[in-house]
């Protein structure tokens, strides 16, 4: 619910709150802080290091999905919503929105899902 409340918030590189704008990792950090009181790292790569891989068929709402959008691994992150959809703060078109993992752009850049939750 926190994530969907951020739809259409503007993108801002380094942004960490909805009033000033959000970047991808800022959005993830803000949502986890508000929803479960957890502070997370402030880069997609650091989030990847802190999380563990999860198979695509096992993705659950709240898991993280990672992409190579800048020519290096873990350069972009979003939050999985279910039904092959994720929410993210992209720099292109400049606002938080929902996308499909099947979209041509993201499908070819998708690196996989990871979770911050304990297994089991």
C-alpha atoms as a PDB file:
ATOM      1  CA  UNK A   1       0.000   0.000   0.000  1.00  0.00           C
ATOM      2  CA  UNK A   2       2.872   2.393   0.759  1.00  0.00           C
ATOM      3  CA  UNK A   3       4.318   1.728  -2.673  1.00  0.00           C
ATOM      4  CA  UNK A   4       1.110   2.442  -4.565  1.00  0.00           C
ATOM      5  CA  UNK A   5       0.690   5.652  -2.584  1.00  0.00           C
ATOM      6  CA  UNK A   6       3.848   6.912  -4.300  1.00  0.00           C
ATOM      7  CA  UNK A   7       2.558   6.591  -7.867  1.00  0.00           C
ATOM      8  CA  UNK A   8       3.346   9.696  -9.919  1.00  0.00           C
ATOM      9  CA  UNK A   9       5.876  11.065  -7.391  1.00  0.00           C
ATOM     10  CA  UNK A  10       8.608  12.797  -9.375  1.00  0.00           C
ATOM     11  CA  UNK A  11      12.037  11.316  -9.989  1.00  0.00           C
ATOM     12  CA  UNK A  12      15.074  12.968  -8.457  1.00  0.00           C
ATOM     13  CA  UNK A  13      18.575  11.493  -8.499  1.00  0.00           C
ATOM     14  CA  UNK A  14      19.543  10.846  -4.878  1.00  0.00           C
ATOM     15  CA  UNK A  15      15.979  11.608  -3.774  1.00  0.00           C
ATOM     16  CA  UNK A  16      14.908   9.934  -0.559  1.00  0.00           C
ATOM     17  CA  UNK A  17      11.441  11.312   0.206  1.00  0.00           C
ATOM     18  CA  UNK A  18       8.266  11.924  -1.794  1.00  0.00           C
ATOM     19  CA  UNK A  19       8.243  15.675  -1.170  1.00  0.00           C
ATOM     20  CA  UNK A  20      11.656  16.180  -2.791  1.00  0.00           C
ATOM     21  CA  UNK A  21      11.410  13.307  -5.289  1.00  0.00           C
ATOM     22  CA  UNK A  22      12.714   9.752  -5.304  1.00  0.00           C
ATOM     23  CA  UNK A  23      15.249   7.689  -7.165  1.00  0.00           C
ATOM     24  CA  UNK A  24      14.916   3.901  -7.357  1.00  0.00           C
ATOM     25  CA  UNK A  25      16.800   2.987  -4.188  1.00  0.00           C
ATOM     26  CA  UNK A  26      15.377   6.003  -2.359  1.00  0.00           C
ATOM     27  CA  UNK A  27      11.886   4.733  -3.137  1.00  0.00           C
ATOM     28  CA  UNK A  28      12.738   1.232  -1.857  1.00  0.00           C
ATOM     29  CA  UNK A  29      14.329   2.660   1.281  1.00  0.00           C
ATOM     30  CA  UNK A  30      11.365   4.988   1.947  1.00  0.00           C
ATOM     31  CA  UNK A  31       8.801   2.203   1.540  1.00  0.00           C
ATOM     32  CA  UNK A  32      10.636  -0.280   3.773  1.00  0.00           C
ATOM     33  CA  UNK A  33      11.215   2.399   6.421  1.00  0.00           C
ATOM     34  CA  UNK A  34       7.543   3.415   6.449  1.00  0.00           C
ATOM     35  CA  UNK A  35       6.056  -0.077   6.143  1.00  0.00           C
ATOM     36  CA  UNK A  36       8.302  -2.128   8.433  1.00  0.00           C
ATOM     37  CA  UNK A  37      10.677   0.331  10.104  1.00  0.00           C
ATOM     38  CA  UNK A  38      13.804  -1.000   8.375  1.00  0.00           C
ATOM     39  CA  UNK A  39      16.630   1.220   7.120  1.00  0.00           C
ATOM     40  CA  UNK A  40      18.185  -0.089   3.930  1.00  0.00           C
ATOM     41  CA  UNK A  41      21.278   0.811   1.906  1.00  0.00           C
ATOM     42  CA  UNK A  42      20.981   3.718  -0.524  1.00  0.00           C
ATOM     43  CA  UNK A  43      22.086   2.080  -3.754  1.00  0.00           C
ATOM     44  CA  UNK A  44      20.663  -0.715  -5.880  1.00  0.00           C
ATOM     45  CA  UNK A  45      23.989  -2.583  -5.764  1.00  0.00           C
ATOM     46  CA  UNK A  46      24.128  -2.384  -1.954  1.00  0.00           C
ATOM     47  CA  UNK A  47      20.516  -3.607  -1.752  1.00  0.00           C
ATOM     48  CA  UNK A  48      21.469  -6.574  -3.936  1.00  0.00           C
ATOM     49  CA  UNK A  49      24.337  -7.442  -1.588  1.00  0.00           C
ATOM     50  CA  UNK A  50      22.044  -7.306   1.443  1.00  0.00           C
ATOM     51  CA  UNK A  51      19.370  -9.528  -0.094  1.00  0.00           C
ATOM     52  CA  UNK A  52      19.311 -13.134  -1.244  1.00  0.00           C
ATOM     53  CA  UNK A  53      18.252 -14.521  -4.635  1.00  0.00           C
ATOM     54  CA  UNK A  54      14.745 -15.837  -5.101  1.00  0.00           C
ATOM     55  CA  UNK A  55      13.487 -17.801  -8.106  1.00  0.00           C
ATOM     56  CA  UNK A  56      11.116 -15.949 -10.404  1.00  0.00           C
ATOM     57  CA  UNK A  57       8.291 -18.402  -9.706  1.00  0.00           C
ATOM     58  CA  UNK A  58       8.738 -17.736  -5.966  1.00  0.00           C
ATOM     59  CA  UNK A  59       8.650 -13.921  -6.104  1.00  0.00           C
ATOM     60  CA  UNK A  60       6.278 -12.397  -3.562  1.00  0.00           C
ATOM     61  CA  UNK A  61       4.975  -8.878  -3.126  1.00  0.00           C
ATOM     62  CA  UNK A  62       7.677  -6.859  -1.392  1.00  0.00           C
ATOM     63  CA  UNK A  63      10.605  -8.708  -2.961  1.00  0.00           C
ATOM     64  CA  UNK A  64      13.084  -6.644  -4.946  1.00  0.00           C
ATOM     65  CA  UNK A  65      13.646  -6.917  -8.691  1.00  0.00           C
ATOM     66  CA  UNK A  66      16.950  -5.816 -10.195  1.00  0.00           C
ATOM     67  CA  UNK A  67      17.993  -4.610 -13.620  1.00  0.00           C
ATOM     68  CA  UNK A  68      21.039  -3.578 -15.617  1.00  0.00           C
ATOM     69  CA  UNK A  69      19.882  -0.250 -17.072  1.00  0.00           C
ATOM     70  CA  UNK A  70      23.203   1.603 -17.097  1.00  0.00           C
ATOM     71  CA  UNK A  71      25.561  -1.029 -18.439  1.00  0.00           C
ATOM     72  CA  UNK A  72      26.414  -2.620 -15.106  1.00  0.00           C
ATOM     73  CA  UNK A  73      24.722  -5.116 -12.812  1.00  0.00           C
ATOM     74  CA  UNK A  74      22.265  -3.915 -10.196  1.00  0.00           C
ATOM     75  CA  UNK A  75      22.000  -0.374 -11.532  1.00  0.00           C
ATOM     76  CA  UNK A  76      18.211  -0.239 -11.035  1.00  0.00           C
ATOM     77  CA  UNK A  77      15.785  -1.717  -8.499  1.00  0.00           C
ATOM     78  CA  UNK A  78      12.035  -1.954  -8.054  1.00  0.00           C
ATOM     79  CA  UNK A  79       9.597  -3.652  -5.699  1.00  0.00           C
ATOM     80  CA  UNK A  80       7.650  -6.644  -6.934  1.00  0.00           C
ATOM     81  CA  UNK A  81       3.874  -6.259  -6.602  1.00  0.00           C
ATOM     82  CA  UNK A  82       2.656  -9.608  -7.919  1.00  0.00           C
ATOM     83  CA  UNK A  83       1.202 -10.678 -11.279  1.00  0.00           C
ATOM     84  CA  UNK A  84       4.592 -10.003 -12.931  1.00  0.00           C
ATOM     85  CA  UNK A  85       4.331  -6.275 -12.108  1.00  0.00           C
ATOM     86  CA  UNK A  86       6.707  -4.042 -10.181  1.00  0.00           C
ATOM     87  CA  UNK A  87       6.807  -0.453  -9.001  1.00  0.00           C
ATOM     88  CA  UNK A  88       9.890   1.696  -9.460  1.00  0.00           C
ATOM     89  CA  UNK A  89      11.210   5.233  -9.761  1.00  0.00           C
ATOM     90  CA  UNK A  90      12.716   5.500 -13.247  1.00  0.00           C
ATOM     91  CA  UNK A  91      14.555   8.524 -14.523  1.00  0.00           C
ATOM     92  CA  UNK A  92      12.881   8.239 -17.912  1.00  0.00           C
ATOM     93  CA  UNK A  93       9.481   9.936 -17.978  1.00  0.00           C
ATOM     94  CA  UNK A  94      10.329  11.005 -14.453  1.00  0.00           C
ATOM     95  CA  UNK A  95       7.814   9.565 -11.999  1.00  0.00           C
ATOM     96  CA  UNK A  96       7.094   6.496  -9.887  1.00  0.00           C
ATOM     97  CA  UNK A  97       5.043   4.007 -11.870  1.00  0.00           C
ATOM     98  CA  UNK A  98       4.098   0.341 -12.277  1.00  0.00           C
ATOM     99  CA  UNK A  99       5.609  -1.720 -15.115  1.00  0.00           C
ATOM    100  CA  UNK A 100       5.539  -5.311 -16.280  1.00  0.00           C
ATOM    101  CA  UNK A 101       8.583  -7.557 -16.068  1.00  0.00           C
ATOM    102  CA  UNK A 102       7.498  -8.717 -19.526  1.00  0.00           C
ATOM    103  CA  UNK A 103       7.869  -5.296 -21.148  1.00  0.00           C
ATOM    104  CA  UNK A 104      10.559  -5.482 -23.840  1.00  0.00           C
ATOM    105  CA  UNK A 105      12.785  -2.874 -22.182  1.00  0.00           C
ATOM    106  CA  UNK A 106      12.808  -4.465 -18.733  1.00  0.00           C
ATOM    107  CA  UNK A 107      12.696  -8.104 -19.858  1.00  0.00           C
ATOM    108  CA  UNK A 108      16.044  -7.785 -21.638  1.00  0.00           C
ATOM    109  CA  UNK A 109      17.636  -5.967 -18.679  1.00  0.00           C
ATOM    110  CA  UNK A 110      16.188  -8.099 -15.878  1.00  0.00           C
ATOM    111  CA  UNK A 111      18.797  -9.646 -13.560  1.00  0.00           C
ATOM    112  CA  UNK A 112      16.434 -11.427 -11.191  1.00  0.00           C
ATOM    113  CA  UNK A 113      14.531 -11.125  -7.970  1.00  0.00           C
ATOM    114  CA  UNK A 114      15.955 -10.978  -4.494  1.00  0.00           C
ATOM    115  CA  UNK A 115      14.371 -10.942  -1.058  1.00  0.00           C
ATOM    116  CA  UNK A 116      15.158  -9.264   2.219  1.00  0.00           C
ATOM    117  CA  UNK A 117      12.947 -11.708   4.107  1.00  0.00           C
ATOM    118  CA  UNK A 118      14.054 -14.869   5.866  1.00  0.00           C
ATOM    119  CA  UNK A 119      13.406 -18.110   4.033  1.00  0.00           C
ATOM    120  CA  UNK A 120      10.768 -20.530   5.213  1.00  0.00           C
END
